[in-house]
Protein backbone atom coordinates (compact mmCIF):
# COMPACT_ATOMS: atom_id res chain seq x y z
CA MET A 1 -70.25 -25.06 40.90
CA THR A 2 -70.29 -24.38 37.17
CA LEU A 3 -67.41 -26.72 36.50
CA ALA A 4 -68.78 -29.42 38.80
CA MET A 5 -72.19 -29.32 37.10
CA ALA A 6 -70.57 -29.32 33.64
CA ILE A 7 -68.62 -32.47 34.51
CA GLU A 8 -71.64 -34.17 36.06
CA LEU A 9 -73.93 -33.37 33.12
CA GLU A 10 -71.41 -34.03 30.34
CA PRO A 11 -72.82 -37.50 29.51
CA THR A 12 -76.28 -35.97 28.96
CA GLY A 13 -75.09 -33.38 26.44
CA ILE A 14 -76.27 -30.50 28.64
CA LYS A 15 -73.87 -27.54 28.59
CA VAL A 16 -73.25 -25.54 31.79
CA ASN A 17 -71.55 -22.14 31.63
CA ALA A 18 -71.36 -19.03 33.80
CA ALA A 19 -71.52 -15.52 32.38
CA CYS A 20 -70.86 -12.07 33.81
CA PRO A 21 -72.81 -9.39 31.93
CA GLY A 22 -70.70 -6.57 33.39
CA ILE A 23 -71.60 -3.61 35.58
CA HIS A 24 -74.60 -1.76 34.18
CA LYS A 25 -76.05 1.63 34.96
CA TYR A 26 -79.35 1.16 36.76
CA GLU A 27 -81.18 2.30 39.87
CA LEU A 28 -79.96 -0.52 42.14
CA ASN A 29 -76.32 0.67 41.95
CA ASN A 30 -77.20 4.38 41.74
CA TYR A 31 -76.29 4.36 38.01
CA ALA A 32 -72.62 3.73 38.81
CA GLY A 33 -72.10 1.11 36.09
CA THR A 34 -69.96 1.48 33.00
CA GLN A 35 -72.54 0.48 30.38
CA THR A 36 -76.28 0.61 29.83
CA VAL A 37 -78.37 -2.53 30.25
CA GLU A 38 -79.00 -2.51 26.50
CA GLU A 39 -75.26 -2.49 25.76
CA GLY A 40 -74.32 -5.45 27.94
CA ARG A 41 -77.36 -7.67 28.06
CA PRO A 42 -77.28 -9.52 24.73
CA ARG A 43 -73.57 -10.24 24.28
CA THR A 44 -72.45 -12.92 26.69
CA GLY A 45 -75.66 -14.82 27.35
CA ALA A 46 -76.75 -14.97 23.73
CA ALA A 47 -73.37 -16.22 22.58
CA LEU A 48 -73.42 -19.07 25.09
CA ARG A 49 -77.07 -19.98 24.47
CA CYS A 50 -76.55 -20.18 20.72
CA SER A 51 -73.25 -22.06 20.74
CA GLY A 52 -74.71 -25.43 19.67
CA PRO A 53 -73.77 -28.99 20.62
CA ASP A 54 -70.05 -28.43 19.99
CA GLY A 55 -70.02 -25.26 22.08
CA PRO A 56 -68.15 -24.72 25.32
CA THR A 57 -69.08 -26.17 28.68
CA GLY A 58 -67.67 -25.45 32.13
CA THR A 59 -66.56 -21.95 31.17
CA PHE A 60 -66.82 -18.50 32.74
CA SER A 61 -67.22 -15.67 30.23
CA ASN A 62 -67.73 -11.94 30.06
CA ALA A 63 -68.26 -9.65 27.06
CA ALA A 64 -64.63 -10.22 25.99
CA GLY A 65 -65.08 -13.99 25.87
CA PRO A 66 -64.08 -16.95 28.04
CA LEU A 67 -61.92 -16.19 31.08
CA PRO A 68 -59.49 -18.59 32.74
CA TRP A 69 -60.60 -20.17 35.99
């Protein structure tokens, strides 16, 4: 869906990306995650939101960066 929307919206200049923040320790998963919410929250989403007009579109990223489809 991410790639399809990125292709469809390309002429408008709107960027579409998917991001995985990782597995966090919180009540919903009985604190079984590998990082705190504070550790994982800002990395991936902030990097994609602040990428600018020449930034990526149609990508899937995690804290390490873009991953291949």
